[in-house]
Amino acid sequence: MKRRWKIAWGVLGALVVIGGGGFAYMLTQPPPPAKLVDAGPTGQRIAGSGIFANYYPAAGPGPHPAILLLGGSEGGLAKEIGRQALLLQAGGYHVLQLAYHNAPGKPAKLKNIPLEDFTRGIDWLKKQPGVDPARIGIVGYSKGAEAGLLVATRYPGIRAVALGMPSSVVWDGMSGENYMLGSFSSSWSEKGEPVPHLAYKGRPDERGLMAVFEGGLKELYRNPAAIIPVEKYRGKLMLVCGEAEKLWPSCPMTDQIVARAKARGAAVPAVLRYKDAGHAVMGAPFADAAAARKWSKLGGTAEGNGAARIDSWPKIVAFLNAELGPEQRADGGRQ
């Protein structure tokens, strides 16, 4: 009998070692390469000096305002955010659609991404012909919204920021080891050091990762350094969220951003909330019903997300125009 138990425990130990090795291998593997949408006839690919992006210059001599445009955890240069770039370009904006991970020359996983990548993009934008360096804005969604708010609190002179499905905090890096084994890395770094970050807590449930983020927020009091200090941003801010969100609690985090701004004497953000929309609440109106159904897997209905985009996108553009639009000349004319 004793010999049988020794054999059984030996087999179990071997399985644990093999399984653990396989699990560790899976956690360390990079994600599949992200899609890189072509810049098309009105844009150009920028690849050099630490920047990988699609650039969409506005027509005419300018000077025109400029937008740093940030996608989410999909990485690369996704088609969905590229549609926003084209609409903003047509509206008179120079637009830099920046890739910050899972793209050539960038980290594969979304962890410890240098904030310098974003500031480098803004500096590059300011130097382009026809760009008014005094009229710079940021537009982003999801992880791009997290980065966008963080950068705006650190980079002086950003006049307008519009963020969809935003975060009030800096989260752990998005990697299997962080989700399953604990807090190993931040999503962002600065000067080579991880930005203070909030750990994921708990395990995914039938809703997906929502419980992990909710668990983290419940312990925010233990790590207040992870809060993004919105009061350090001096420009105007617009936030868009869907109450039927399934990916992370963007509406509760929107409320946290607003509450902190009020408590710290900062300008109160404009907020657009949509009851029947989810993690597809912000963006250019859907091209077709199939796209609406696909994106609505992240919360809300196809109809609700579609209606939210139809309503919110013109309001986002109006907000940007109000803060970044043509300047008044001293003689009362427009430049």
C-alpha atoms as a PDB file:
ATOM      1  CA  MET A   1       0.000   0.000   0.000  1.00  0.00           C
ATOM      2  CA  LYS A   2       2.827   2.407   0.939  1.00  0.00           C
ATOM      3  CA  ARG A   3       4.499   1.731  -2.402  1.00  0.00           C
ATOM      4  CA  ARG A   4       1.244   2.523  -4.256  1.00  0.00           C
ATOM      5  CA  TRP A   5       0.959   5.896  -2.508  1.00  0.00           C
ATOM      6  CA  LYS A   6       4.561   6.705  -3.395  1.00  0.00           C
ATOM      7  CA  ILE A   7       3.846   5.933  -7.032  1.00  0.00           C
ATOM      8  CA  ALA A   8       0.608   7.980  -6.958  1.00  0.00           C
ATOM      9  CA  TRP A   9       2.291  11.002  -5.407  1.00  0.00           C
ATOM     10  CA  GLY A  10       5.160  10.703  -7.861  1.00  0.00           C
ATOM     11  CA  VAL A  11       2.798  10.716 -10.820  1.00  0.00           C
ATOM     12  CA  LEU A  12       0.852  13.665  -9.364  1.00  0.00           C
ATOM     13  CA  GLY A  13       4.073  15.585  -8.758  1.00  0.00           C
ATOM     14  CA  ALA A  14       5.176  14.988 -12.346  1.00  0.00           C
ATOM     15  CA  LEU A  15       1.828  16.212 -13.648  1.00  0.00           C
ATOM     16  CA  VAL A  16       2.083  19.341 -11.536  1.00  0.00           C
ATOM     17  CA  VAL A  17       5.564  20.057 -12.842  1.00  0.00           C
ATOM     18  CA  ILE A  18       4.576  19.423 -16.442  1.00  0.00           C
ATOM     19  CA  GLY A  19       1.314  21.311 -16.115  1.00  0.00           C
ATOM     20  CA  GLY A  20       2.956  24.193 -14.285  1.00  0.00           C
ATOM     21  CA  GLY A  21       5.618  24.406 -16.950  1.00  0.00           C
ATOM     22  CA  GLY A  22       2.971  24.450 -19.664  1.00  0.00           C
ATOM     23  CA  PHE A  23       0.989  27.090 -17.802  1.00  0.00           C
ATOM     24  CA  ALA A  24       4.083  29.233 -17.325  1.00  0.00           C
ATOM     25  CA  TYR A  25       4.905  28.814 -21.011  1.00  0.00           C
ATOM     26  CA  MET A  26       1.437  30.024 -22.002  1.00  0.00           C
ATOM     27  CA  LEU A  27       1.687  33.041 -19.699  1.00  0.00           C
ATOM     28  CA  THR A  28       4.980  34.148 -21.203  1.00  0.00           C
ATOM     29  CA  GLN A  29       3.933  33.850 -24.840  1.00  0.00           C
ATOM     30  CA  PRO A  30       3.372  37.109 -26.750  1.00  0.00           C
ATOM     31  CA  PRO A  31      -0.116  37.815 -28.111  1.00  0.00           C
ATOM     32  CA  PRO A  32      -0.850  37.250 -31.799  1.00  0.00           C
ATOM     33  CA  PRO A  33       0.368  40.144 -33.960  1.00  0.00           C
ATOM     34  CA  ALA A  34      -2.147  42.986 -33.988  1.00  0.00           C
ATOM     35  CA  LYS A  35      -3.699  44.254 -37.193  1.00  0.00           C
ATOM     36  CA  LEU A  36      -2.039  47.214 -38.866  1.00  0.00           C
ATOM     37  CA  VAL A  37      -4.540  49.083 -40.986  1.00  0.00           C
ATOM     38  CA  ASP A  38      -3.083  50.846 -43.994  1.00  0.00           C
ATOM     39  CA  ALA A  39      -3.046  54.638 -43.769  1.00  0.00           C
ATOM     40  CA  GLY A  40      -4.874  54.898 -47.089  1.00  0.00           C
ATOM     41  CA  PRO A  41      -4.695  57.656 -49.696  1.00  0.00           C
ATOM     42  CA  THR A  42      -5.090  60.564 -47.235  1.00  0.00           C
ATOM     43  CA  GLY A  43      -2.548  59.317 -44.688  1.00  0.00           C
ATOM     44  CA  GLN A  44       0.981  58.054 -44.346  1.00  0.00           C
ATOM     45  CA  ARG A  45       2.793  55.453 -42.254  1.00  0.00           C
ATOM     46  CA  ILE A  46       5.304  56.857 -39.773  1.00  0.00           C
ATOM     47  CA  ALA A  47       7.985  54.418 -38.642  1.00  0.00           C
ATOM     48  CA  GLY A  48      11.090  55.874 -37.083  1.00  0.00           C
ATOM     49  CA  SER A  49      12.495  57.856 -34.163  1.00  0.00           C
ATOM     50  CA  GLY A  50      10.578  55.646 -31.751  1.00  0.00           C
ATOM     51  CA  ILE A  51       7.201  56.314 -33.405  1.00  0.00           C
ATOM     52  CA  PHE A  52       5.018  53.783 -35.199  1.00  0.00           C
ATOM     53  CA  ALA A  53       1.805  55.397 -36.387  1.00  0.00           C
ATOM     54  CA  ASN A  54      -0.511  56.403 -39.155  1.00  0.00           C
ATOM     55  CA  TYR A  55      -0.551  60.148 -39.767  1.00  0.00           C
ATOM     56  CA  TYR A  56      -3.510  61.931 -41.314  1.00  0.00           C
ATOM     57  CA  PRO A  57      -2.727  65.587 -42.077  1.00  0.00           C
ATOM     58  CA  ALA A  58      -5.577  68.015 -42.516  1.00  0.00           C
ATOM     59  CA  ALA A  59      -6.107  69.574 -45.923  1.00  0.00           C
ATOM     60  CA  GLY A  60      -5.056  73.168 -46.481  1.00  0.00           C
ATOM     61  CA  PRO A  61      -2.180  75.268 -45.198  1.00  0.00           C
ATOM     62  CA  GLY A  62      -3.516  75.756 -41.686  1.00  0.00           C
ATOM     63  CA  PRO A  63      -2.549  76.250 -39.004  1.00  0.00           C
ATOM     64  CA  HIS A  64      -4.802  73.410 -37.849  1.00  0.00           C
ATOM     65  CA  PRO A  65      -5.293  71.794 -34.454  1.00  0.00           C
ATOM     66  CA  ALA A  66      -3.918  68.292 -33.939  1.00  0.00           C
ATOM     67  CA  ILE A  67      -5.090  65.131 -32.173  1.00  0.00           C
ATOM     68  CA  LEU A  68      -3.136  62.270 -30.635  1.00  0.00           C
ATOM     69  CA  LEU A  69      -5.472  59.298 -31.239  1.00  0.00           C
ATOM     70  CA  LEU A  70      -5.141  56.181 -29.070  1.00  0.00           C
ATOM     71  CA  GLY A  71      -6.744  52.785 -29.494  1.00  0.00           C
ATOM     72  CA  GLY A  72      -7.099  50.176 -26.766  1.00  0.00           C
ATOM     73  CA  SER A  73      -5.741  46.805 -25.783  1.00  0.00           C
ATOM     74  CA  GLU A  74      -6.214  45.482 -29.328  1.00  0.00           C
ATOM     75  CA  GLY A  75      -2.819  47.009 -30.073  1.00  0.00           C
ATOM     76  CA  GLY A  76      -1.340  47.921 -33.409  1.00  0.00           C
ATOM     77  CA  LEU A  77      -3.266  50.257 -35.684  1.00  0.00           C
ATOM     78  CA  ALA A  78      -6.813  48.935 -35.670  1.00  0.00           C
ATOM     79  CA  LYS A  79      -9.375  49.680 -38.352  1.00  0.00           C
ATOM     80  CA  GLU A  80     -11.982  50.826 -35.821  1.00  0.00           C
ATOM     81  CA  ILE A  81      -9.859  53.653 -34.440  1.00  0.00           C
ATOM     82  CA  GLY A  82      -8.656  54.404 -37.966  1.00  0.00           C
ATOM     83  CA  ARG A  83     -12.241  55.310 -38.924  1.00  0.00           C
ATOM     84  CA  GLN A  84     -12.185  57.948 -36.209  1.00  0.00           C
ATOM     85  CA  ALA A  85      -8.908  59.281 -37.601  1.00  0.00           C
ATOM     86  CA  LEU A  86     -10.419  59.763 -41.049  1.00  0.00           C
ATOM     87  CA  LEU A  87     -13.453  61.597 -39.677  1.00  0.00           C
ATOM     88  CA  LEU A  88     -11.311  63.885 -37.567  1.00  0.00           C
ATOM     89  CA  GLN A  89      -9.022  64.538 -40.518  1.00  0.00           C
ATOM     90  CA  ALA A  90     -12.016  65.472 -42.669  1.00  0.00           C
ATOM     91  CA  GLY A  91     -13.069  67.850 -39.892  1.00  0.00           C
ATOM     92  CA  GLY A  92      -9.856  69.834 -40.145  1.00  0.00           C
ATOM     93  CA  TYR A  93      -7.567  68.065 -37.667  1.00  0.00           C
ATOM     94  CA  HIS A  94      -4.087  66.689 -38.105  1.00  0.00           C
ATOM     95  CA  VAL A  95      -4.329  63.221 -36.526  1.00  0.00           C
ATOM     96  CA  LEU A  96      -1.600  60.882 -35.309  1.00  0.00           C
ATOM     97  CA  GLN A  97      -3.005  57.374 -34.777  1.00  0.00           C
ATOM     98  CA  LEU A  98      -0.294  56.041 -32.500  1.00  0.00           C
ATOM     99  CA  ALA A  99       0.598  52.389 -31.952  1.00  0.00           C
ATOM    100  CA  TYR A 100       2.030  51.874 -28.476  1.00  0.00           C
ATOM    101  CA  HIS A 101       2.129  48.087 -28.148  1.00  0.00           C
ATOM    102  CA  ASN A 102       1.989  44.909 -30.225  1.00  0.00           C
ATOM    103  CA  ALA A 103       3.373  46.724 -33.255  1.00  0.00           C
ATOM    104  CA  PRO A 104       6.801  46.804 -34.917  1.00  0.00           C
ATOM    105  CA  GLY A 105       9.369  48.140 -32.474  1.00  0.00           C
ATOM    106  CA  LYS A 106       6.891  48.136 -29.575  1.00  0.00           C
ATOM    107  CA  PRO A 107       6.384  45.713 -26.663  1.00  0.00           C
ATOM    108  CA  ALA A 108       4.179  42.750 -27.512  1.00  0.00           C
ATOM    109  CA  LYS A 109       2.336  42.786 -24.188  1.00  0.00           C
ATOM    110  CA  LEU A 110       0.638  45.800 -22.699  1.00  0.00           C
ATOM    111  CA  LYS A 111       2.866  46.156 -19.659  1.00  0.00           C
ATOM    112  CA  ASN A 112       5.365  48.831 -18.628  1.00  0.00           C
ATOM    113  CA  ILE A 113       4.647  50.795 -21.816  1.00  0.00           C
ATOM    114  CA  PRO A 114       6.784  53.969 -21.656  1.00  0.00           C
ATOM    115  CA  LEU A 115       4.756  57.152 -21.275  1.00  0.00           C
ATOM    116  CA  GLU A 116       7.588  58.703 -23.258  1.00  0.00           C
ATOM    117  CA  ASP A 117       6.115  56.995 -26.346  1.00  0.00           C
ATOM    118  CA  PHE A 118       3.067  59.231 -26.055  1.00  0.00           C
ATOM    119  CA  THR A 119       4.932  62.436 -25.278  1.00  0.00           C
ATOM    120  CA  ARG A 120       7.265  61.699 -28.176  1.00  0.00           C
ATOM    121  CA  GLY A 121       4.204  61.458 -30.409  1.00  0.00           C
ATOM    122  CA  ILE A 122       2.889  64.811 -29.178  1.00  0.00           C
ATOM    123  CA  ASP A 123       6.272  66.460 -29.690  1.00  0.00           C
ATOM    124  CA  TRP A 124       6.392  65.040 -33.222  1.00  0.00           C
ATOM    125  CA  LEU A 125       2.891  66.344 -33.976  1.00  0.00           C
ATOM    126  CA  LYS A 126       3.767  69.853 -32.860  1.00  0.00           C
ATOM    127  CA  LYS A 127       6.614  70.023 -35.381  1.00  0.00           C
ATOM    128  CA  GLN A 128       4.579  69.044 -38.443  1.00  0.00           C
ATOM    129  CA  PRO A 129       3.837  71.615 -41.145  1.00  0.00           C
ATOM    130  CA  GLY A 130       0.445  73.227 -40.715  1.00  0.00           C
ATOM    131  CA  VAL A 131       0.032  72.156 -37.051  1.00  0.00           C
ATOM    132  CA  ASP A 132      -0.736  74.797 -34.453  1.00  0.00           C
ATOM    133  CA  PRO A 133       1.325  73.582 -31.465  1.00  0.00           C
ATOM    134  CA  ALA A 134      -0.912  75.534 -29.079  1.00  0.00           C
ATOM    135  CA  ARG A 135      -3.992  73.519 -30.080  1.00  0.00           C
ATOM    136  CA  ILE A 136      -3.318  69.871 -29.205  1.00  0.00           C
ATOM    137  CA  GLY A 137      -5.883  67.340 -27.988  1.00  0.00           C
ATOM    138  CA  ILE A 138      -6.041  63.662 -27.101  1.00  0.00           C
ATOM    139  CA  VAL A 139      -8.783  61.226 -28.070  1.00  0.00           C
ATOM    140  CA  GLY A 140      -8.704  57.622 -26.868  1.00  0.00           C
ATOM    141  CA  TYR A 141     -10.742  54.703 -25.650  1.00  0.00           C
ATOM    142  CA  SER A 142     -10.312  51.863 -23.144  1.00  0.00           C
ATOM    143  CA  LYS A 143      -6.599  51.390 -22.347  1.00  0.00           C
ATOM    144  CA  GLY A 144      -5.948  54.325 -24.654  1.00  0.00           C
ATOM    145  CA  ALA A 145      -8.234  56.364 -22.402  1.00  0.00           C
ATOM    146  CA  GLU A 146      -6.241  55.272 -19.351  1.00  0.00           C
ATOM    147  CA  ALA A 147      -3.023  56.342 -21.048  1.00  0.00           C
ATOM    148  CA  GLY A 148      -4.592  59.518 -22.433  1.00  0.00           C
ATOM    149  CA  LEU A 149      -5.702  60.802 -19.034  1.00  0.00           C
ATOM    150  CA  LEU A 150      -2.387  59.854 -17.459  1.00  0.00           C
ATOM    151  CA  VAL A 151      -0.410  61.682 -20.163  1.00  0.00           C
ATOM    152  CA  ALA A 152      -2.659  64.751 -19.966  1.00  0.00           C
ATOM    153  CA  THR A 153      -1.885  65.090 -16.253  1.00  0.00           C
ATOM    154  CA  ARG A 154       1.847  65.082 -17.016  1.00  0.00           C
ATOM    155  CA  TYR A 155       2.228  66.908 -20.332  1.00  0.00           C
ATOM    156  CA  PRO A 156       1.481  70.650 -20.073  1.00  0.00           C
ATOM    157  CA  GLY A 157      -0.607  72.453 -22.653  1.00  0.00           C
ATOM    158  CA  ILE A 158      -3.043  69.723 -23.757  1.00  0.00           C
ATOM    159  CA  ARG A 159      -6.224  71.710 -24.297  1.00  0.00           C
ATOM    160  CA  ALA A 160      -8.899  69.064 -24.843  1.00  0.00           C
ATOM    161  CA  VAL A 161      -9.181  65.365 -24.025  1.00  0.00           C
ATOM    162  CA  ALA A 162     -12.086  63.103 -25.049  1.00  0.00           C
ATOM    163  CA  LEU A 163     -12.021  59.604 -23.576  1.00  0.00           C
ATOM    164  CA  GLY A 164     -14.319  56.625 -24.026  1.00  0.00           C
ATOM    165  CA  MET A 165     -14.693  53.754 -21.522  1.00  0.00           C
ATOM    166  CA  PRO A 166     -12.126  55.483 -19.283  1.00  0.00           C
ATOM    167  CA  SER A 167     -10.187  54.412 -16.216  1.00  0.00           C
ATOM    168  CA  SER A 168      -9.722  56.409 -13.034  1.00  0.00           C
ATOM    169  CA  VAL A 169      -6.615  54.440 -12.070  1.00  0.00           C
ATOM    170  CA  VAL A 170      -3.464  52.919 -13.488  1.00  0.00           C
ATOM    171  CA  TRP A 171      -3.916  49.151 -13.668  1.00  0.00           C
ATOM    172  CA  ASP A 172      -1.514  46.245 -13.587  1.00  0.00           C
ATOM    173  CA  GLY A 173      -0.018  45.306 -16.912  1.00  0.00           C
ATOM    174  CA  MET A 174      -2.327  43.287 -19.144  1.00  0.00           C
ATOM    175  CA  SER A 175      -0.674  39.888 -19.085  1.00  0.00           C
ATOM    176  CA  GLY A 176      -1.528  36.381 -17.962  1.00  0.00           C
ATOM    177  CA  GLU A 177       0.971  36.448 -15.125  1.00  0.00           C
ATOM    178  CA  ASN A 178      -0.664  39.557 -13.674  1.00  0.00           C
ATOM    179  CA  TYR A 179      -4.213  38.222 -13.991  1.00  0.00           C
ATOM    180  CA  MET A 180      -3.453  34.812 -12.502  1.00  0.00           C
ATOM    181  CA  LEU A 181      -0.386  35.133 -10.283  1.00  0.00           C
ATOM    182  CA  GLY A 182      -0.424  38.632  -8.813  1.00  0.00           C
ATOM    183  CA  SER A 183       0.798  42.155  -9.381  1.00  0.00           C
ATOM    184  CA  PHE A 184       4.054  41.934 -11.347  1.00  0.00           C
ATOM    185  CA  SER A 185       4.062  44.974 -13.624  1.00  0.00           C
ATOM    186  CA  SER A 186       2.286  48.226 -14.365  1.00  0.00           C
ATOM    187  CA  SER A 187       0.559  49.017 -17.625  1.00  0.00           C
ATOM    188  CA  TRP A 188       2.841  52.054 -17.949  1.00  0.00           C
ATOM    189  CA  SER A 189       6.347  53.159 -17.059  1.00  0.00           C
ATOM    190  CA  GLU A 190       7.997  56.550 -16.746  1.00  0.00           C
ATOM    191  CA  LYS A 191      11.737  57.158 -16.891  1.00  0.00           C
ATOM    192  CA  GLY A 192      12.211  53.412 -16.810  1.00  0.00           C
ATOM    193  CA  GLU A 193      10.192  52.884 -13.625  1.00  0.00           C
ATOM    194  CA  PRO A 194       6.693  51.357 -13.372  1.00  0.00           C
ATOM    195  CA  VAL A 195       3.950  53.892 -12.723  1.00  0.00           C
ATOM    196  CA  PRO A 196       2.148  53.015  -9.438  1.00  0.00           C
ATOM    197  CA  HIS A 197      -0.598  50.572 -10.337  1.00  0.00           C
ATOM    198  CA  LEU A 198      -3.656  48.832  -8.949  1.00  0.00           C
ATOM    199  CA  ALA A 199      -3.595  45.046  -8.675  1.00  0.00           C
ATOM    200  CA  TYR A 200      -6.279  42.817 -10.175  1.00  0.00           C
ATOM    201  CA  LYS A 201      -8.215  40.957  -7.494  1.00  0.00           C
ATOM    202  CA  GLY A 202     -10.390  37.863  -7.639  1.00  0.00           C
ATOM    203  CA  ARG A 203     -11.123  35.650 -10.603  1.00  0.00           C
ATOM    204  CA  PRO A 204     -13.152  36.076 -13.788  1.00  0.00           C
ATOM    205  CA  ASP A 205     -16.791  35.034 -13.527  1.00  0.00           C
ATOM    206  CA  GLU A 206     -19.642  34.542 -15.982  1.00  0.00           C
ATOM    207  CA  ARG A 207     -19.283  38.211 -16.981  1.00  0.00           C
ATOM    208  CA  GLY A 208     -15.629  37.799 -17.906  1.00  0.00           C
ATOM    209  CA  LEU A 209     -12.954  40.077 -16.420  1.00  0.00           C
ATOM    210  CA  MET A 210     -15.370  42.563 -14.828  1.00  0.00           C
ATOM    211  CA  ALA A 211     -15.092  40.893 -11.400  1.00  0.00           C
ATOM    212  CA  VAL A 212     -11.293  41.180 -11.486  1.00  0.00           C
ATOM    213  CA  PHE A 213     -11.459  44.941 -11.998  1.00  0.00           C
ATOM    214  CA  GLU A 214     -14.250  45.407  -9.464  1.00  0.00           C
ATOM    215  CA  GLY A 215     -12.203  43.457  -6.925  1.00  0.00           C
ATOM    216  CA  GLY A 216      -9.232  45.706  -7.545  1.00  0.00           C
ATOM    217  CA  LEU A 217     -11.237  48.892  -7.089  1.00  0.00           C
ATOM    218  CA  LYS A 218     -12.556  47.656  -3.737  1.00  0.00           C
ATOM    219  CA  GLU A 219      -8.980  47.715  -2.437  1.00  0.00           C
ATOM    220  CA  LEU A 220      -8.009  51.047  -3.959  1.00  0.00           C
ATOM    221  CA  TYR A 221      -7.792  52.546  -0.461  1.00  0.00           C
ATOM    222  CA  ARG A 222      -4.704  50.370   0.081  1.00  0.00           C
ATOM    223  CA  ASN A 223      -2.922  51.911  -2.913  1.00  0.00           C
ATOM    224  CA  PRO A 224      -4.098  55.505  -3.552  1.00  0.00           C
ATOM    225  CA  ALA A 225      -0.938  56.198  -5.573  1.00  0.00           C
ATOM    226  CA  ALA A 226      -2.567  54.277  -8.435  1.00  0.00           C
ATOM    227  CA  ILE A 227      -5.244  56.970  -8.837  1.00  0.00           C
ATOM    228  CA  ILE A 228      -4.746  59.166 -11.913  1.00  0.00           C
ATOM    229  CA  PRO A 229      -4.549  62.757 -10.563  1.00  0.00           C
ATOM    230  CA  VAL A 230      -7.106  64.378 -12.863  1.00  0.00           C
ATOM    231  CA  GLU A 231      -6.735  67.667 -10.971  1.00  0.00           C
ATOM    232  CA  LYS A 232      -3.264  68.102 -12.514  1.00  0.00           C
ATOM    233  CA  TYR A 233      -4.813  68.370 -15.975  1.00  0.00           C
ATOM    234  CA  ARG A 234      -5.590  72.014 -16.817  1.00  0.00           C
ATOM    235  CA  GLY A 235      -7.596  71.577 -20.007  1.00  0.00           C
ATOM    236  CA  LYS A 236     -11.153  70.451 -20.719  1.00  0.00           C
ATOM    237  CA  LEU A 237     -12.201  66.820 -20.407  1.00  0.00           C
ATOM    238  CA  MET A 238     -15.083  64.792 -21.863  1.00  0.00           C
ATOM    239  CA  LEU A 239     -15.836  61.220 -20.743  1.00  0.00           C
ATOM    240  CA  VAL A 240     -18.090  58.667 -22.464  1.00  0.00           C
ATOM    241  CA  CYS A 241     -19.269  55.424 -20.865  1.00  0.00           C
ATOM    242  CA  GLY A 242     -21.899  52.698 -21.252  1.00  0.00           C
ATOM    243  CA  GLU A 243     -23.813  51.422 -18.228  1.00  0.00           C
ATOM    244  CA  ALA A 244     -24.142  47.943 -19.788  1.00  0.00           C
ATOM    245  CA  GLU A 245     -20.340  47.565 -19.963  1.00  0.00           C
ATOM    246  CA  LYS A 246     -19.040  43.994 -19.621  1.00  0.00           C
ATOM    247  CA  LEU A 247     -15.270  44.431 -19.834  1.00  0.00           C
ATOM    248  CA  TRP A 248     -14.412  46.823 -17.002  1.00  0.00           C
ATOM    249  CA  PRO A 249     -16.425  49.240 -14.808  1.00  0.00           C
ATOM    250  CA  SER A 250     -15.991  52.335 -16.951  1.00  0.00           C
ATOM    251  CA  CYS A 251     -19.073  54.190 -15.659  1.00  0.00           C
ATOM    252  CA  PRO A 252     -18.115  53.746 -11.970  1.00  0.00           C
ATOM    253  CA  MET A 253     -14.579  54.840 -12.885  1.00  0.00           C
ATOM    254  CA  THR A 254     -16.029  57.826 -14.747  1.00  0.00           C
ATOM    255  CA  ASP A 255     -17.857  58.745 -11.542  1.00  0.00           C
ATOM    256  CA  GLN A 256     -14.572  58.487  -9.625  1.00  0.00           C
ATOM    257  CA  ILE A 257     -12.841  60.850 -12.058  1.00  0.00           C
ATOM    258  CA  VAL A 258     -15.662  63.390 -11.774  1.00  0.00           C
ATOM    259  CA  ALA A 259     -15.791  63.140  -7.971  1.00  0.00           C
ATOM    260  CA  ARG A 260     -12.032  63.675  -7.669  1.00  0.00           C
ATOM    261  CA  ALA A 261     -12.121  66.657 -10.042  1.00  0.00           C
ATOM    262  CA  LYS A 262     -14.861  68.254  -7.939  1.00  0.00           C
ATOM    263  CA  ALA A 263     -13.131  67.495  -4.656  1.00  0.00           C
ATOM    264  CA  ARG A 264      -9.781  68.886  -5.844  1.00  0.00           C
ATOM    265  CA  GLY A 265     -11.171  72.053  -7.413  1.00  0.00           C
ATOM    266  CA  ALA A 266     -10.499  71.009 -11.024  1.00  0.00           C
ATOM    267  CA  ALA A 267     -12.754  71.671 -13.995  1.00  0.00           C
ATOM    268  CA  VAL A 268     -15.660  69.228 -13.880  1.00  0.00           C
ATOM    269  CA  PRO A 269     -15.564  66.854 -16.889  1.00  0.00           C
ATOM    270  CA  ALA A 270     -18.447  66.695 -19.340  1.00  0.00           C
ATOM    271  CA  VAL A 271     -19.963  63.208 -19.227  1.00  0.00           C
ATOM    272  CA  LEU A 272     -21.990  61.250 -21.765  1.00  0.00           C
ATOM    273  CA  ARG A 273     -23.609  58.102 -20.273  1.00  0.00           C
ATOM    274  CA  TYR A 274     -25.646  55.557 -22.188  1.00  0.00           C
ATOM    275  CA  LYS A 275     -27.814  52.988 -20.445  1.00  0.00           C
ATOM    276  CA  ASP A 276     -27.939  50.341 -23.174  1.00  0.00           C
ATOM    277  CA  ALA A 277     -24.343  50.606 -24.386  1.00  0.00           C
ATOM    278  CA  GLY A 278     -21.184  48.796 -23.317  1.00  0.00           C
ATOM    279  CA  HIS A 279     -17.503  48.746 -24.238  1.00  0.00           C
ATOM    280  CA  ALA A 280     -18.405  49.894 -27.745  1.00  0.00           C
ATOM    281  CA  VAL A 281     -20.066  53.115 -26.627  1.00  0.00           C
ATOM    282  CA  MET A 282     -17.501  55.465 -28.174  1.00  0.00           C
ATOM    283  CA  GLY A 283     -16.428  55.738 -31.767  1.00  0.00           C
ATOM    284  CA  ALA A 284     -17.491  56.588 -35.258  1.00  0.00           C
ATOM    285  CA  PRO A 285     -21.026  55.395 -36.066  1.00  0.00           C
ATOM    286  CA  PHE A 286     -20.968  51.737 -37.066  1.00  0.00           C
ATOM    287  CA  ALA A 287     -20.438  51.033 -40.747  1.00  0.00           C
ATOM    288  CA  ASP A 288     -23.036  48.238 -40.760  1.00  0.00           C
ATOM    289  CA  ALA A 289     -25.231  46.046 -38.567  1.00  0.00           C
ATOM    290  CA  ALA A 290     -22.653  43.230 -38.488  1.00  0.00           C
ATOM    291  CA  ALA A 291     -20.072  45.532 -36.895  1.00  0.00           C
ATOM    292  CA  ALA A 292     -22.605  46.671 -34.307  1.00  0.00           C
ATOM    293  CA  ARG A 293     -23.408  43.057 -33.371  1.00  0.00           C
ATOM    294  CA  LYS A 294     -19.730  42.153 -33.118  1.00  0.00           C
ATOM    295  CA  TRP A 295     -18.805  45.032 -30.815  1.00  0.00           C
ATOM    296  CA  SER A 296     -21.910  44.559 -28.687  1.00  0.00           C
ATOM    297  CA  LYS A 297     -20.471  41.318 -27.325  1.00  0.00           C
ATOM    298  CA  LEU A 298     -18.689  43.663 -24.917  1.00  0.00           C
ATOM    299  CA  GLY A 299     -21.948  44.879 -23.405  1.00  0.00           C
ATOM    300  CA  GLY A 300     -25.236  46.471 -24.372  1.00  0.00           C
ATOM    301  CA  THR A 301     -27.228  45.722 -27.483  1.00  0.00           C
ATOM    302  CA  ALA A 302     -26.381  46.412 -31.103  1.00  0.00           C
ATOM    303  CA  GLU A 303     -29.158  48.985 -31.174  1.00  0.00           C
ATOM    304  CA  GLY A 304     -28.041  50.594 -27.922  1.00  0.00           C
ATOM    305  CA  ASN A 305     -24.398  50.855 -28.926  1.00  0.00           C
ATOM    306  CA  GLY A 306     -25.332  52.084 -32.365  1.00  0.00           C
ATOM    307  CA  ALA A 307     -27.590  54.801 -30.955  1.00  0.00           C
ATOM    308  CA  ALA A 308     -24.904  55.809 -28.436  1.00  0.00           C
ATOM    309  CA  ARG A 309     -22.341  56.313 -31.174  1.00  0.00           C
ATOM    310  CA  ILE A 310     -24.742  58.241 -33.374  1.00  0.00           C
ATOM    311  CA  ASP A 311     -25.483  60.537 -30.442  1.00  0.00           C
ATOM    312  CA  SER A 312     -22.021  60.816 -28.894  1.00  0.00           C
ATOM    313  CA  TRP A 313     -19.729  61.215 -31.897  1.00  0.00           C
ATOM    314  CA  PRO A 314     -21.111  64.620 -33.023  1.00  0.00           C
ATOM    315  CA  LYS A 315     -20.947  65.780 -29.407  1.00  0.00           C
ATOM    316  CA  ILE A 316     -17.304  64.693 -29.153  1.00  0.00           C
ATOM    317  CA  VAL A 317     -16.490  66.602 -32.342  1.00  0.00           C
ATOM    318  CA  ALA A 318     -18.397  69.654 -31.099  1.00  0.00           C
ATOM    319  CA  PHE A 319     -16.435  69.497 -27.838  1.00  0.00           C
ATOM    320  CA  LEU A 320     -13.128  69.340 -29.714  1.00  0.00           C
ATOM    321  CA  ASN A 321     -14.174  72.162 -32.021  1.00  0.00           C
ATOM    322  CA  ALA A 322     -15.136  74.353 -29.072  1.00  0.00           C
ATOM    323  CA  GLU A 323     -11.780  73.841 -27.355  1.00  0.00           C
ATOM    324  CA  LEU A 324      -9.449  73.487 -30.344  1.00  0.00           C
ATOM    325  CA  GLY A 325     -11.296  75.136 -33.214  1.00  0.00           C
ATOM    326  CA  PRO A 326     -10.319  78.246 -35.183  1.00  0.00           C
ATOM    327  CA  GLU A 327      -8.862  80.984 -33.008  1.00  0.00           C
ATOM    328  CA  GLN A 328     -10.301  84.474 -32.910  1.00  0.00           C
ATOM    329  CA  ARG A 329      -8.025  87.140 -34.388  1.00  0.00           C
ATOM    330  CA  ALA A 330      -7.590  90.497 -32.745  1.00  0.00           C
ATOM    331  CA  ASP A 331      -9.686  92.092 -35.524  1.00  0.00           C
ATOM    332  CA  GLY A 332     -12.582  89.753 -34.743  1.00  0.00           C
ATOM    333  CA  GLY A 333     -12.053  87.495 -37.746  1.00  0.00           C
ATOM    334  CA  ARG A 334     -11.238  83.795 -37.746  1.00  0.00           C
ATOM    335  CA  GLN A 335      -7.889  82.296 -38.622  1.00  0.00           C
END
